[in-house]
N, C-alpha and C. Protein backbone atom coordinates (compact mmCIF):
# COMPACT_ATOMS: atom_id res chain seq x y z
N MET A 1 -11.35 -34.30 -158.50
CA MET A 1 -12.47 -33.61 -159.24
C MET A 1 -13.46 -34.68 -159.14
N ARG A 2 -14.78 -34.04 -159.49
CA ARG A 2 -15.85 -34.82 -159.70
C ARG A 2 -16.93 -34.47 -160.89
N GLU A 3 -17.46 -35.63 -161.56
CA GLU A 3 -18.27 -35.16 -162.62
C GLU A 3 -19.85 -34.98 -161.94
N VAL A 4 -20.40 -34.00 -162.73
CA VAL A 4 -22.04 -33.82 -162.40
C VAL A 4 -22.57 -32.99 -163.60
N ARG A 5 -23.84 -33.58 -163.59
CA ARG A 5 -24.70 -33.23 -164.99
C ARG A 5 -25.14 -31.72 -164.10
N LEU A 6 -25.10 -30.78 -164.86
CA LEU A 6 -25.65 -29.31 -164.76
C LEU A 6 -26.69 -29.31 -165.81
N VAL A 7 -27.96 -28.77 -165.42
CA VAL A 7 -29.09 -28.66 -166.32
C VAL A 7 -29.53 -26.98 -166.14
N TYR A 8 -29.63 -26.50 -167.41
CA TYR A 8 -29.69 -24.84 -167.17
C TYR A 8 -31.33 -24.94 -167.84
N PHE A 9 -31.73 -23.58 -167.21
CA PHE A 9 -33.35 -23.49 -167.72
C PHE A 9 -33.48 -21.96 -168.09
N ALA A 10 -34.60 -21.58 -168.87
CA ALA A 10 -35.09 -20.42 -169.35
C ALA A 10 -33.83 -19.42 -169.88
N TRP A 11 -33.75 -18.31 -169.20
CA TRP A 11 -32.68 -17.39 -169.83
C TRP A 11 -31.28 -17.91 -169.55
N VAL A 12 -31.18 -18.50 -168.63
CA VAL A 12 -29.86 -19.18 -168.04
C VAL A 12 -29.42 -20.04 -169.26
N ARG A 13 -30.32 -21.11 -169.87
CA ARG A 13 -30.05 -21.85 -170.87
C ARG A 13 -29.87 -21.14 -172.13
N GLU A 14 -30.50 -20.21 -172.37
CA GLU A 14 -30.44 -19.19 -173.50
C GLU A 14 -29.05 -18.50 -173.68
N ARG A 15 -28.58 -17.97 -172.63
CA ARG A 15 -27.44 -17.22 -172.42
C ARG A 15 -26.12 -18.13 -172.54
N ILE A 16 -26.38 -19.03 -172.08
CA ILE A 16 -25.14 -20.19 -172.01
C ILE A 16 -25.14 -20.72 -173.36
N GLY A 17 -26.27 -21.20 -173.87
CA GLY A 17 -26.37 -21.99 -175.25
C GLY A 17 -26.36 -23.24 -175.22
N LEU A 18 -26.50 -23.90 -173.89
CA LEU A 18 -26.75 -25.60 -173.54
C LEU A 18 -28.00 -25.72 -172.64
N GLY A 19 -28.56 -26.58 -172.79
CA GLY A 19 -29.78 -27.27 -171.93
C GLY A 19 -29.09 -27.89 -170.73
N ASP A 20 -27.95 -28.57 -171.22
CA ASP A 20 -27.53 -29.23 -170.02
C ASP A 20 -25.98 -29.77 -170.43
N GLU A 21 -25.07 -30.28 -169.54
CA GLU A 21 -23.84 -30.65 -169.83
C GLU A 21 -23.26 -31.19 -168.61
N ILE A 22 -22.19 -32.04 -168.79
CA ILE A 22 -21.41 -32.84 -167.55
C ILE A 22 -20.20 -31.93 -167.54
N VAL A 23 -19.90 -31.71 -166.26
CA VAL A 23 -18.81 -30.58 -166.01
C VAL A 23 -17.90 -31.44 -164.87
N SER A 24 -16.69 -31.39 -165.01
CA SER A 24 -15.83 -31.85 -163.99
C SER A 24 -15.63 -30.82 -162.97
N LEU A 25 -15.85 -30.94 -161.70
CA LEU A 25 -15.93 -29.75 -160.55
C LEU A 25 -14.58 -30.02 -159.77
N PRO A 26 -13.61 -28.85 -159.84
CA PRO A 26 -12.42 -28.89 -159.06
C PRO A 26 -13.07 -29.22 -157.51
N ASP A 27 -12.00 -29.60 -156.76
CA ASP A 27 -12.26 -29.98 -155.30
C ASP A 27 -12.39 -28.96 -154.52
N ASP A 28 -12.14 -27.67 -154.99
CA ASP A 28 -12.48 -26.47 -154.23
C ASP A 28 -13.81 -25.82 -154.32
N VAL A 29 -14.68 -26.59 -155.35
CA VAL A 29 -16.13 -26.18 -155.55
C VAL A 29 -16.91 -26.96 -154.60
N VAL A 30 -17.38 -26.40 -153.45
CA VAL A 30 -17.77 -27.09 -152.31
C VAL A 30 -19.32 -26.54 -152.06
N THR A 31 -19.88 -25.45 -152.20
CA THR A 31 -20.97 -25.11 -152.25
C THR A 31 -21.75 -24.60 -153.64
N ALA A 32 -22.97 -24.43 -153.52
CA ALA A 32 -23.49 -23.83 -154.84
C ALA A 32 -23.16 -22.44 -155.30
N GLY A 33 -22.76 -21.65 -154.26
CA GLY A 33 -22.19 -20.31 -154.73
C GLY A 33 -20.83 -20.70 -155.25
N ASP A 34 -20.02 -21.51 -154.87
CA ASP A 34 -18.76 -21.88 -155.30
C ASP A 34 -18.94 -22.40 -156.85
N LEU A 35 -20.11 -23.02 -157.27
CA LEU A 35 -20.36 -23.53 -158.46
C LEU A 35 -20.68 -22.54 -159.41
N ILE A 36 -21.46 -21.59 -158.90
CA ILE A 36 -21.64 -20.34 -159.98
C ILE A 36 -20.66 -19.33 -160.11
N ALA A 37 -19.71 -19.31 -159.10
CA ALA A 37 -18.39 -18.64 -159.22
C ALA A 37 -17.43 -19.11 -160.35
N PHE A 38 -17.30 -20.70 -159.98
CA PHE A 38 -16.60 -21.40 -161.16
C PHE A 38 -17.17 -21.42 -162.61
N LEU A 39 -18.44 -21.32 -162.53
CA LEU A 39 -19.14 -21.37 -164.00
C LEU A 39 -18.90 -19.94 -164.68
N LYS A 40 -18.85 -19.20 -163.95
CA LYS A 40 -18.59 -17.48 -164.49
C LYS A 40 -17.34 -17.34 -164.89
N ASN A 41 -16.59 -18.13 -164.51
CA ASN A 41 -15.19 -18.03 -165.30
C ASN A 41 -14.93 -18.99 -166.45
N ARG A 42 -15.90 -19.82 -166.68
CA ARG A 42 -15.86 -20.68 -168.18
C ARG A 42 -15.91 -19.96 -169.43
N GLY A 43 -16.39 -18.65 -169.34
CA GLY A 43 -16.55 -17.76 -170.59
C GLY A 43 -17.37 -16.90 -170.61
N GLU A 44 -17.49 -16.15 -171.75
CA GLU A 44 -18.43 -14.92 -171.60
C GLU A 44 -19.90 -15.35 -171.71
N ASP A 45 -20.35 -16.38 -172.45
CA ASP A 45 -21.55 -16.79 -172.22
C ASP A 45 -22.23 -17.25 -170.69
N TYR A 46 -21.21 -17.82 -169.96
CA TYR A 46 -21.42 -18.20 -168.83
C TYR A 46 -21.41 -16.90 -167.51
N ALA A 47 -20.50 -16.05 -168.17
CA ALA A 47 -20.47 -14.79 -167.11
C ALA A 47 -21.58 -13.99 -167.48
N ALA A 48 -22.30 -13.97 -168.61
CA ALA A 48 -23.26 -13.20 -168.90
C ALA A 48 -24.47 -13.80 -168.20
N ALA A 49 -24.75 -15.22 -168.38
CA ALA A 49 -25.92 -15.93 -167.78
C ALA A 49 -25.90 -15.77 -166.19
N LEU A 50 -24.89 -15.66 -165.71
CA LEU A 50 -24.74 -15.78 -164.08
C LEU A 50 -24.16 -14.45 -163.66
N GLU A 51 -24.49 -13.32 -164.52
CA GLU A 51 -23.91 -12.01 -164.03
C GLU A 51 -24.43 -11.60 -162.70
N HIS A 52 -25.77 -11.75 -162.45
CA HIS A 52 -26.61 -11.48 -161.25
C HIS A 52 -26.49 -12.71 -160.43
N GLU A 53 -25.74 -13.30 -160.01
CA GLU A 53 -25.48 -14.48 -159.26
C GLU A 53 -26.62 -14.64 -157.97
N ASN A 54 -26.82 -13.33 -157.28
CA ASN A 54 -27.61 -13.46 -156.37
C ASN A 54 -29.27 -13.74 -156.71
N VAL A 55 -29.50 -13.53 -157.99
CA VAL A 55 -30.96 -14.01 -158.55
C VAL A 55 -31.12 -15.49 -158.92
N ILE A 56 -29.79 -16.08 -159.20
CA ILE A 56 -29.86 -17.47 -159.60
C ILE A 56 -30.64 -18.57 -158.64
N ARG A 57 -31.16 -19.09 -158.87
CA ARG A 57 -31.69 -20.29 -158.08
C ARG A 57 -30.97 -21.72 -158.47
N VAL A 58 -30.63 -22.54 -157.42
CA VAL A 58 -30.16 -23.70 -157.54
C VAL A 58 -30.81 -24.88 -157.05
N ALA A 59 -30.81 -25.71 -157.95
CA ALA A 59 -31.71 -27.11 -156.99
C ALA A 59 -30.70 -28.34 -157.17
N ILE A 60 -30.40 -29.14 -156.18
CA ILE A 60 -29.56 -30.21 -156.20
C ILE A 60 -30.54 -31.35 -156.02
N ASP A 61 -30.16 -32.28 -157.19
CA ASP A 61 -31.31 -33.54 -157.28
C ASP A 61 -32.56 -33.15 -156.94
N GLN A 62 -32.81 -31.83 -157.77
CA GLN A 62 -34.30 -31.49 -157.81
C GLN A 62 -34.81 -31.00 -156.23
N GLU A 63 -33.82 -30.57 -155.51
CA GLU A 63 -34.17 -29.76 -154.21
C GLU A 63 -33.56 -28.46 -154.24
N HIS A 64 -34.53 -27.33 -154.31
CA HIS A 64 -33.86 -26.20 -154.20
C HIS A 64 -32.91 -26.07 -152.94
N VAL A 65 -31.98 -25.11 -153.05
CA VAL A 65 -30.98 -24.90 -151.96
C VAL A 65 -30.48 -23.51 -152.07
N ASP A 66 -30.02 -23.16 -150.84
CA ASP A 66 -29.20 -21.66 -150.67
C ASP A 66 -27.98 -21.83 -151.27
N HIS A 67 -27.24 -20.66 -151.62
CA HIS A 67 -26.08 -20.60 -152.20
C HIS A 67 -24.72 -21.16 -151.39
N ASP A 68 -25.29 -21.31 -150.00
CA ASP A 68 -24.17 -21.51 -148.98
C ASP A 68 -24.13 -23.12 -148.81
N GLU A 69 -25.48 -23.73 -149.47
CA GLU A 69 -25.42 -25.32 -149.12
C GLU A 69 -24.42 -25.96 -149.94
N PRO A 70 -23.75 -26.88 -149.17
CA PRO A 70 -22.79 -27.74 -149.60
C PRO A 70 -23.38 -28.85 -150.72
N LEU A 71 -22.46 -28.79 -151.83
CA LEU A 71 -23.10 -29.71 -152.89
C LEU A 71 -23.10 -31.26 -152.88
N GLY A 72 -22.29 -31.65 -151.80
CA GLY A 72 -22.24 -33.19 -151.52
C GLY A 72 -21.85 -34.05 -153.02
N SER A 73 -22.28 -35.05 -153.04
CA SER A 73 -22.00 -35.82 -154.61
C SER A 73 -23.65 -35.97 -155.19
N PRO A 74 -23.95 -34.88 -155.57
CA PRO A 74 -25.09 -34.67 -156.57
C PRO A 74 -24.98 -35.34 -157.83
N ARG A 75 -26.54 -36.08 -158.28
CA ARG A 75 -26.57 -36.62 -159.68
C ARG A 75 -26.71 -35.57 -160.57
N GLU A 76 -27.34 -34.39 -159.94
CA GLU A 76 -27.73 -33.06 -160.94
C GLU A 76 -28.03 -31.92 -160.23
N ILE A 77 -27.57 -31.08 -160.88
CA ILE A 77 -27.50 -29.60 -160.35
C ILE A 77 -28.32 -28.79 -161.48
N ALA A 78 -29.07 -28.11 -161.03
CA ALA A 78 -29.99 -27.09 -162.13
C ALA A 78 -29.81 -25.85 -161.54
N LEU A 79 -29.75 -24.84 -162.78
CA LEU A 79 -29.56 -23.49 -162.42
C LEU A 79 -30.61 -22.90 -163.20
N PHE A 80 -31.18 -21.90 -162.67
CA PHE A 80 -32.40 -21.25 -163.09
C PHE A 80 -32.84 -19.88 -162.75
N PRO A 81 -33.24 -18.93 -163.25
CA PRO A 81 -33.61 -17.38 -162.80
C PRO A 81 -34.90 -17.82 -162.00
N PRO A 82 -35.14 -16.76 -161.10
CA PRO A 82 -36.32 -16.80 -160.11
C PRO A 82 -37.52 -17.14 -160.91
N MET A 83 -38.43 -17.62 -160.44
CA MET A 83 -39.78 -18.09 -160.90
C MET A 83 -40.72 -16.74 -160.82
N THR A 84 -41.35 -16.62 -161.78
CA THR A 84 -42.46 -15.55 -161.77
C THR A 84 -43.87 -16.08 -161.76
N GLY A 85 -44.62 -15.40 -161.21
CA GLY A 85 -46.33 -15.89 -161.06
C GLY A 85 -46.85 -15.66 -162.51
N GLY A 86 -48.04 -16.00 -162.45
CA GLY A 86 -48.73 -15.91 -163.75
C GLY A 86 -50.28 -16.75 -163.83
């Protein structure tokens, strides 16, 4: 297991009810997609926030990545909804 700081933005934060947290990730959480699947199983709030996982954006140490991107050993992972123009 490894610990990582997760940061949540916009409606992801609102639905989970946290702005950030430190989470111990199991060894089988290897990609950004694995992380989303892992989080969805942490409770109803997480499942609701990440229900449409294909639209969730992920940034590892402030760099946007695809869901198949390996996590490596990040200091911070951010999850947020798609950006809208304005």
